[in-house]
Amino acid sequence: SEFEQQVLQPLRAARGYLKANQTEIADYAAIRKD
């Protein structure tokens, strides 16, 4: 539970934010891959 809440969920949220704003993110494809 703690690992899910503190680590994985924020990472998924960050990926979602970046995807939604990918036109404004320089080097989006490389960041997404990483």
All heavy atoms as atom14 arrays in JSON, in Angstrom:
{
  "sequence": "SEFEQQVLQPLRAARGYLKANQTEIADYAAIRKD",
  "atom14_mask": [
    [1, 1, 1, 1, 1, 1, 0, 0, 0, 0, 0, 0, 0, 0],
    [1, 1, 1, 1, 1, 1, 1, 1, 1, 0, 0, 0, 0, 0],
    [1, 1, 1, 1, 1, 1, 1, 1, 1, 1, 1, 0, 0, 0],
    [1, 1, 1, 1, 1, 1, 1, 1, 1, 0, 0, 0, 0, 0],
    [1, 1, 1, 1, 1, 1, 1, 1, 1, 0, 0, 0, 0, 0],
    [1, 1, 1, 1, 1, 1, 1, 1, 1, 0, 0, 0, 0, 0],
    [1, 1, 1, 1, 1, 1, 1, 0, 0, 0, 0, 0, 0, 0],
    [1, 1, 1, 1, 1, 1, 1, 1, 0, 0, 0, 0, 0, 0],
    [1, 1, 1, 1, 1, 1, 1, 1, 1, 0, 0, 0, 0, 0],
    [1, 1, 1, 1, 1, 1, 1, 0, 0, 0, 0, 0, 0, 0],
    [1, 1, 1, 1, 1, 1, 1, 1, 0, 0, 0, 0, 0, 0],
    [1, 1, 1, 1, 1, 1, 1, 1, 1, 1, 1, 0, 0, 0],
    [1, 1, 1, 1, 1, 0, 0, 0, 0, 0, 0, 0, 0, 0],
    [1, 1, 1, 1, 1, 0, 0, 0, 0, 0, 0, 0, 0, 0],
    [1, 1, 1, 1, 1, 1, 1, 1, 1, 1, 1, 0, 0, 0],
    [1, 1, 1, 1, 0, 0, 0, 0, 0, 0, 0, 0, 0, 0],
    [1, 1, 1, 1, 1, 1, 1, 1, 1, 1, 1, 1, 0, 0],
    [1, 1, 1, 1, 1, 1, 1, 1, 0, 0, 0, 0, 0, 0],
    [1, 1, 1, 1, 1, 1, 1, 1, 1, 0, 0, 0, 0, 0],
    [1, 1, 1, 1, 1, 0, 0, 0, 0, 0, 0, 0, 0, 0],
    [1, 1, 1, 1, 1, 1, 1, 1, 0, 0, 0, 0, 0, 0],
    [1, 1, 1, 1, 1, 1, 1, 1, 1, 0, 0, 0, 0, 0],
    [1, 1, 1, 1, 1, 1, 1, 0, 0, 0, 0, 0, 0, 0],
    [1, 1, 1, 1, 1, 1, 1, 1, 1, 0, 0, 0, 0, 0],
    [1, 1, 1, 1, 1, 1, 1, 1, 0, 0, 0, 0, 0, 0],
    [1, 1, 1, 1, 1, 0, 0, 0, 0, 0, 0, 0, 0, 0],
    [1, 1, 1, 1, 1, 1, 1, 1, 0, 0, 0, 0, 0, 0],
    [1, 1, 1, 1, 1, 1, 1, 1, 1, 1, 1, 1, 0, 0],
    [1, 1, 1, 1, 1, 0, 0, 0, 0, 0, 0, 0, 0, 0],
    [1, 1, 1, 1, 1, 0, 0, 0, 0, 0, 0, 0, 0, 0],
    [1, 1, 1, 1, 1, 1, 1, 1, 0, 0, 0, 0, 0, 0],
    [1, 1, 1, 1, 1, 1, 1, 1, 1, 1, 1, 0, 0, 0],
    [1, 1, 1, 1, 1, 1, 1, 1, 1, 0, 0, 0, 0, 0],
    [1, 1, 1, 1, 1, 1, 1, 1, 0, 0, 0, 0, 0, 0]
  ],
  "atom14_positions": [
    [[0.8, -1.22, 0.0], [0.0, 0.0, 0.0], [0.85, 1.28, 0.0], [0.64, 2.17, -0.82], [-0.93, 0.0, 1.21], [-1.65, 1.2, 1.28], [0.0, 0.0, 0.0], [0.0, 0.0, 0.0], [0.0, 0.0, 0.0], [0.0, 0.0, 0.0], [0.0, 0.0, 0.0], [0.0, 0.0, 0.0], [0.0, 0.0, 0.0], [0.0, 0.0, 0.0]],
    [[1.79, 1.38, 0.9], [2.61, 2.58, 0.99], [3.44, 2.79, -0.28], [3.52, 3.9, -0.81], [3.52, 2.53, 2.22], [4.31, 3.82, 2.4], [5.17, 3.83, 3.65], [5.28, 2.78, 4.33], [5.74, 4.88, 3.95], [0.0, 0.0, 0.0], [0.0, 0.0, 0.0], [0.0, 0.0, 0.0], [0.0, 0.0, 0.0], [0.0, 0.0, 0.0]],
    [[4.04, 1.72, -0.78], [4.84, 1.8, -2.01], [3.97, 2.26, -3.18], [4.37, 3.09, -3.99], [5.47, 0.43, -2.3], [6.49, 0.44, -3.4], [7.78, 0.86, -3.17], [6.15, -0.01, -4.67], [8.73, 0.86, -4.18], [7.09, -0.02, -5.7], [8.38, 0.42, -5.45], [0.0, 0.0, 0.0], [0.0, 0.0, 0.0], [0.0, 0.0, 0.0]],
    [[2.76, 1.72, -3.25], [1.82, 2.08, -4.31], [1.49, 3.58, -4.24], [1.55, 4.29, -5.24], [0.54, 1.24, -4.18], [-0.52, 1.54, -5.21], [-0.2, 1.05, -6.61], [0.68, 0.18, -6.78], [-0.83, 1.55, -7.54], [0.0, 0.0, 0.0], [0.0, 0.0, 0.0], [0.0, 0.0, 0.0], [0.0, 0.0, 0.0], [0.0, 0.0, 0.0]],
    [[1.16, 4.03, -3.03], [0.74, 5.42, -2.85], [1.88, 6.42, -2.98], [1.71, 7.49, -3.57], [0.06, 5.6, -1.49], [-1.26, 4.89, -1.37], [-1.81, 4.92, 0.05], [-1.27, 5.57, 0.92], [-2.89, 4.19, 0.27], [0.0, 0.0, 0.0], [0.0, 0.0, 0.0], [0.0, 0.0, 0.0], [0.0, 0.0, 0.0], [0.0, 0.0, 0.0]],
    [[3.03, 6.08, -2.45], [4.15, 7.03, -2.4], [5.04, 7.0, -3.64], [5.71, 8.0, -3.92], [5.01, 6.77, -1.15], [4.27, 6.93, 0.15], [3.75, 8.34, 0.35], [4.41, 9.32, 0.03], [2.54, 8.46, 0.88], [0.0, 0.0, 0.0], [0.0, 0.0, 0.0], [0.0, 0.0, 0.0], [0.0, 0.0, 0.0], [0.0, 0.0, 0.0]],
    [[5.04, 5.89, -4.36], [5.98, 5.76, -5.47], [5.27, 5.59, -6.82], [5.44, 6.39, -7.73], [6.96, 4.58, -5.23], [7.92, 4.41, -6.39], [7.73, 4.78, -3.93], [0.0, 0.0, 0.0], [0.0, 0.0, 0.0], [0.0, 0.0, 0.0], [0.0, 0.0, 0.0], [0.0, 0.0, 0.0], [0.0, 0.0, 0.0], [0.0, 0.0, 0.0]],
    [[4.47, 4.54, -6.94], [3.89, 4.23, -8.25], [2.8, 5.2, -8.69], [2.79, 5.64, -9.84], [3.38, 2.79, -8.28], [4.5, 1.75, -8.34], [3.97, 0.35, -8.09], [5.21, 1.81, -9.68], [0.0, 0.0, 0.0], [0.0, 0.0, 0.0], [0.0, 0.0, 0.0], [0.0, 0.0, 0.0], [0.0, 0.0, 0.0], [0.0, 0.0, 0.0]],
    [[1.89, 5.54, -7.81], [0.82, 6.45, -8.21], [1.34, 7.83, -8.62], [0.91, 8.35, -9.65], [-0.24, 6.57, -7.11], [-1.09, 5.33, -6.99], [-2.1, 5.38, -5.85], [-2.11, 6.32, -5.05], [-2.94, 4.37, -5.76], [0.0, 0.0, 0.0], [0.0, 0.0, 0.0], [0.0, 0.0, 0.0], [0.0, 0.0, 0.0], [0.0, 0.0, 0.0]],
    [[2.28, 8.41, -7.88], [2.83, 9.7, -8.35], [3.55, 9.6, -9.69], [3.46, 10.51, -10.51], [3.8, 10.11, -7.23], [3.29, 9.4, -6.02], [2.75, 8.09, -6.52], [0.0, 0.0, 0.0], [0.0, 0.0, 0.0], [0.0, 0.0, 0.0], [0.0, 0.0, 0.0], [0.0, 0.0, 0.0], [0.0, 0.0, 0.0], [0.0, 0.0, 0.0]],
    [[4.24, 8.49, -9.92], [4.93, 8.32, -11.2], [3.91, 8.21, -12.34], [4.08, 8.83, -13.39], [5.83, 7.07, -11.17], [6.62, 6.79, -12.44], [7.52, 7.97, -12.81], [7.43, 5.53, -12.29], [0.0, 0.0, 0.0], [0.0, 0.0, 0.0], [0.0, 0.0, 0.0], [0.0, 0.0, 0.0], [0.0, 0.0, 0.0], [0.0, 0.0, 0.0]],
    [[2.84, 7.46, -12.12], [1.8, 7.37, -13.14], [1.15, 8.73, -13.4], [0.85, 9.08, -14.53], [0.73, 6.35, -12.73], [1.2, 4.93, -12.81], [0.06, 3.96, -12.52], [0.61, 2.69, -12.11], [0.45, 2.14, -10.91], [-0.31, 2.73, -10.0], [1.01, 1.0, -10.63], [0.0, 0.0, 0.0], [0.0, 0.0, 0.0], [0.0, 0.0, 0.0]],
    [[0.94, 9.48, -12.33], [0.36, 10.82, -12.47], [1.29, 11.72, -13.27], [0.84, 12.49, -14.13], [0.06, 11.42, -11.11], [0.0, 0.0, 0.0], [0.0, 0.0, 0.0], [0.0, 0.0, 0.0], [0.0, 0.0, 0.0], [0.0, 0.0, 0.0], [0.0, 0.0, 0.0], [0.0, 0.0, 0.0], [0.0, 0.0, 0.0], [0.0, 0.0, 0.0]],
    [[2.58, 11.64, -13.01], [3.55, 12.44, -13.76], [3.55, 12.06, -15.23], [3.57, 12.93, -16.1], [4.96, 12.26, -13.16], [0.0, 0.0, 0.0], [0.0, 0.0, 0.0], [0.0, 0.0, 0.0], [0.0, 0.0, 0.0], [0.0, 0.0, 0.0], [0.0, 0.0, 0.0], [0.0, 0.0, 0.0], [0.0, 0.0, 0.0], [0.0, 0.0, 0.0]],
    [[3.51, 10.76, -15.51], [3.45, 10.32, -16.91], [2.18, 10.84, -17.58], [2.21, 11.29, -18.72], [3.49, 8.79, -16.99], [4.86, 8.23, -17.13], [4.91, 6.78, -17.61], [3.93, 5.85, -17.08], [2.88, 5.38, -17.76], [2.67, 5.75, -19.0], [2.06, 4.53, -17.19], [0.0, 0.0, 0.0], [0.0, 0.0, 0.0], [0.0, 0.0, 0.0]],
    [[1.07, 10.78, -16.88], [-0.19, 11.27, -17.43], [-0.15, 12.76, -17.71], [-0.62, 13.22, -18.76], [0.0, 0.0, 0.0], [0.0, 0.0, 0.0], [0.0, 0.0, 0.0], [0.0, 0.0, 0.0], [0.0, 0.0, 0.0], [0.0, 0.0, 0.0], [0.0, 0.0, 0.0], [0.0, 0.0, 0.0], [0.0, 0.0, 0.0], [0.0, 0.0, 0.0]],
    [[0.44, 13.51, -16.8], [0.57, 14.96, -16.99], [1.44, 15.27, -18.21], [1.08, 16.1, -19.05], [1.16, 15.61, -15.74], [1.44, 17.08, -15.94], [0.44, 18.03, -15.75], [2.7, 17.51, -16.35], [0.68, 19.37, -15.97], [2.95, 18.86, -16.57], [1.95, 19.78, -16.37], [2.19, 21.11, -16.6], [0.0, 0.0, 0.0], [0.0, 0.0, 0.0]],
    [[2.56, 14.59, -18.29], [3.46, 14.82, -19.41], [2.8, 14.45, -20.73], [2.95, 15.16, -21.73], [4.77, 14.05, -19.23], [5.66, 14.53, -18.08], [6.81, 13.57, -17.85], [6.16, 15.94, -18.34], [0.0, 0.0, 0.0], [0.0, 0.0, 0.0], [0.0, 0.0, 0.0], [0.0, 0.0, 0.0], [0.0, 0.0, 0.0], [0.0, 0.0, 0.0]],
    [[2.06, 13.35, -20.75], [1.38, 12.93, -21.97], [0.36, 13.98, -22.4], [0.27, 14.32, -23.59], [0.69, 11.58, -21.77], [0.01, 11.05, -23.01], [-0.59, 9.68, -22.78], [-1.22, 9.16, -24.05], [-1.81, 7.84, -23.87], [0.0, 0.0, 0.0], [0.0, 0.0, 0.0], [0.0, 0.0, 0.0], [0.0, 0.0, 0.0], [0.0, 0.0, 0.0]],
    [[-0.39, 14.5, -21.44], [-1.42, 15.5, -21.74], [-0.8, 16.81, -22.23], [-1.46, 17.58, -22.94], [-2.28, 15.75, -20.51], [0.0, 0.0, 0.0], [0.0, 0.0, 0.0], [0.0, 0.0, 0.0], [0.0, 0.0, 0.0], [0.0, 0.0, 0.0], [0.0, 0.0, 0.0], [0.0, 0.0, 0.0], [0.0, 0.0, 0.0], [0.0, 0.0, 0.0]],
    [[0.45, 17.04, -21.86], [1.12, 18.29, -22.21], [2.34, 18.06, -23.09], [3.26, 18.88, -23.13], [1.53, 19.03, -20.93], [0.33, 19.45, -20.12], [-0.36, 20.39, -20.46], [0.06, 18.71, -19.06], [0.0, 0.0, 0.0], [0.0, 0.0, 0.0], [0.0, 0.0, 0.0], [0.0, 0.0, 0.0], [0.0, 0.0, 0.0], [0.0, 0.0, 0.0]],
    [[2.33, 16.97, -23.84], [3.53, 16.57, -24.58], [3.98, 17.58, -25.61], [5.17, 17.67, -25.9], [3.33, 15.2, -25.21], [2.24, 15.11, -26.24], [2.04, 13.69, -26.72], [2.85, 13.2, -27.48], [1.01, 13.03, -26.26], [0.0, 0.0, 0.0], [0.0, 0.0, 0.0], [0.0, 0.0, 0.0], [0.0, 0.0, 0.0], [0.0, 0.0, 0.0]],
    [[3.06, 18.36, -26.15], [3.46, 19.34, -27.17], [4.33, 20.45, -26.56], [5.08, 21.1, -27.27], [2.23, 19.97, -27.86], [1.4, 20.57, -26.87], [1.47, 18.92, -28.64], [0.0, 0.0, 0.0], [0.0, 0.0, 0.0], [0.0, 0.0, 0.0], [0.0, 0.0, 0.0], [0.0, 0.0, 0.0], [0.0, 0.0, 0.0], [0.0, 0.0, 0.0]],
    [[4.22, 20.61, -25.26], [5.01, 21.64, -24.56], [6.27, 21.09, -23.9], [7.05, 21.85, -23.33], [4.13, 22.31, -23.48], [2.87, 22.93, -24.05], [1.84, 23.22, -22.97], [2.22, 23.35, -21.8], [0.65, 23.31, -23.31], [0.0, 0.0, 0.0], [0.0, 0.0, 0.0], [0.0, 0.0, 0.0], [0.0, 0.0, 0.0], [0.0, 0.0, 0.0]],
    [[6.46, 19.78, -23.98], [7.59, 19.13, -23.3], [8.68, 18.82, -24.32], [8.49, 18.0, -25.21], [7.15, 17.83, -22.6], [5.96, 18.05, -21.68], [8.31, 17.17, -21.87], [6.2, 18.92, -20.48], [0.0, 0.0, 0.0], [0.0, 0.0, 0.0], [0.0, 0.0, 0.0], [0.0, 0.0, 0.0], [0.0, 0.0, 0.0], [0.0, 0.0, 0.0]],
    [[9.82, 19.5, -24.16], [10.95, 19.22, -25.04], [11.43, 17.79, -24.79], [11.5, 17.34, -23.65], [12.08, 20.21, -24.76], [0.0, 0.0, 0.0], [0.0, 0.0, 0.0], [0.0, 0.0, 0.0], [0.0, 0.0, 0.0], [0.0, 0.0, 0.0], [0.0, 0.0, 0.0], [0.0, 0.0, 0.0], [0.0, 0.0, 0.0], [0.0, 0.0, 0.0]],
    [[11.7, 17.07, -25.86], [12.22, 15.7, -25.78], [11.24, 14.76, -25.08], [11.65, 13.85, -24.34], [13.59, 15.69, -25.1], [14.46, 14.55, -25.57], [14.12, 13.92, -26.6], [15.47, 14.26, -24.89], [0.0, 0.0, 0.0], [0.0, 0.0, 0.0], [0.0, 0.0, 0.0], [0.0, 0.0, 0.0], [0.0, 0.0, 0.0], [0.0, 0.0, 0.0]],
    [[9.95, 14.97, -25.33], [8.91, 14.16, -24.68], [9.13, 12.67, -24.88], [9.01, 11.88, -23.93], [7.51, 14.56, -25.17], [6.45, 13.6, -24.74], [6.0, 13.58, -23.43], [5.92, 12.66, -25.63], [5.05, 12.67, -23.01], [4.96, 11.75, -25.22], [4.52, 11.75, -23.91], [3.58, 10.85, -23.5], [0.0, 0.0, 0.0], [0.0, 0.0, 0.0]],
    [[9.43, 12.24, -26.08], [9.56, 10.8, -26.37], [10.64, 10.15, -25.5], [10.44, 9.06, -24.96], [9.86, 10.58, -27.85], [0.0, 0.0, 0.0], [0.0, 0.0, 0.0], [0.0, 0.0, 0.0], [0.0, 0.0, 0.0], [0.0, 0.0, 0.0], [0.0, 0.0, 0.0], [0.0, 0.0, 0.0], [0.0, 0.0, 0.0], [0.0, 0.0, 0.0]],
    [[11.78, 10.81, -25.34], [12.86, 10.24, -24.53], [12.48, 10.23, -23.05], [12.75, 9.24, -22.34], [14.14, 11.04, -24.73], [0.0, 0.0, 0.0], [0.0, 0.0, 0.0], [0.0, 0.0, 0.0], [0.0, 0.0, 0.0], [0.0, 0.0, 0.0], [0.0, 0.0, 0.0], [0.0, 0.0, 0.0], [0.0, 0.0, 0.0], [0.0, 0.0, 0.0]],
    [[11.83, 11.28, -22.59], [11.4, 11.34, -21.2], [10.37, 10.24, -20.93], [10.44, 9.55, -19.92], [10.84, 12.74, -20.86], [11.95, 13.78, -20.92], [10.16, 12.74, -19.5], [11.47, 15.21, -20.87], [0.0, 0.0, 0.0], [0.0, 0.0, 0.0], [0.0, 0.0, 0.0], [0.0, 0.0, 0.0], [0.0, 0.0, 0.0], [0.0, 0.0, 0.0]],
    [[9.41, 10.09, -21.85], [8.39, 9.06, -21.7], [9.03, 7.68, -21.61], [8.68, 6.86, -20.76], [7.4, 9.11, -22.87], [6.33, 8.05, -22.8], [5.37, 8.15, -24.01], [4.32, 7.16, -23.91], [4.42, 5.89, -24.3], [5.54, 5.45, -24.84], [3.4, 5.06, -24.17], [0.0, 0.0, 0.0], [0.0, 0.0, 0.0], [0.0, 0.0, 0.0]],
    [[9.99, 7.42, -22.48], [10.67, 6.13, -22.49], [11.38, 5.88, -21.16], [11.3, 4.78, -20.6], [11.68, 6.08, -23.65], [12.41, 4.77, -23.78], [13.38, 4.8, -24.93], [14.23, 3.54, -24.95], [15.28, 3.57, -25.95], [0.0, 0.0, 0.0], [0.0, 0.0, 0.0], [0.0, 0.0, 0.0], [0.0, 0.0, 0.0], [0.0, 0.0, 0.0]],
    [[12.07, 6.89, -20.64], [12.77, 6.75, -19.37], [11.8, 6.52, -18.21], [12.07, 5.71, -17.32], [13.64, 7.98, -19.09], [14.85, 8.08, -20.02], [15.2, 7.08, -20.67], [15.44, 9.18, -20.1], [0.0, 0.0, 0.0], [0.0, 0.0, 0.0], [0.0, 0.0, 0.0], [0.0, 0.0, 0.0], [0.0, 0.0, 0.0], [0.0, 0.0, 0.0]]
  ]
}
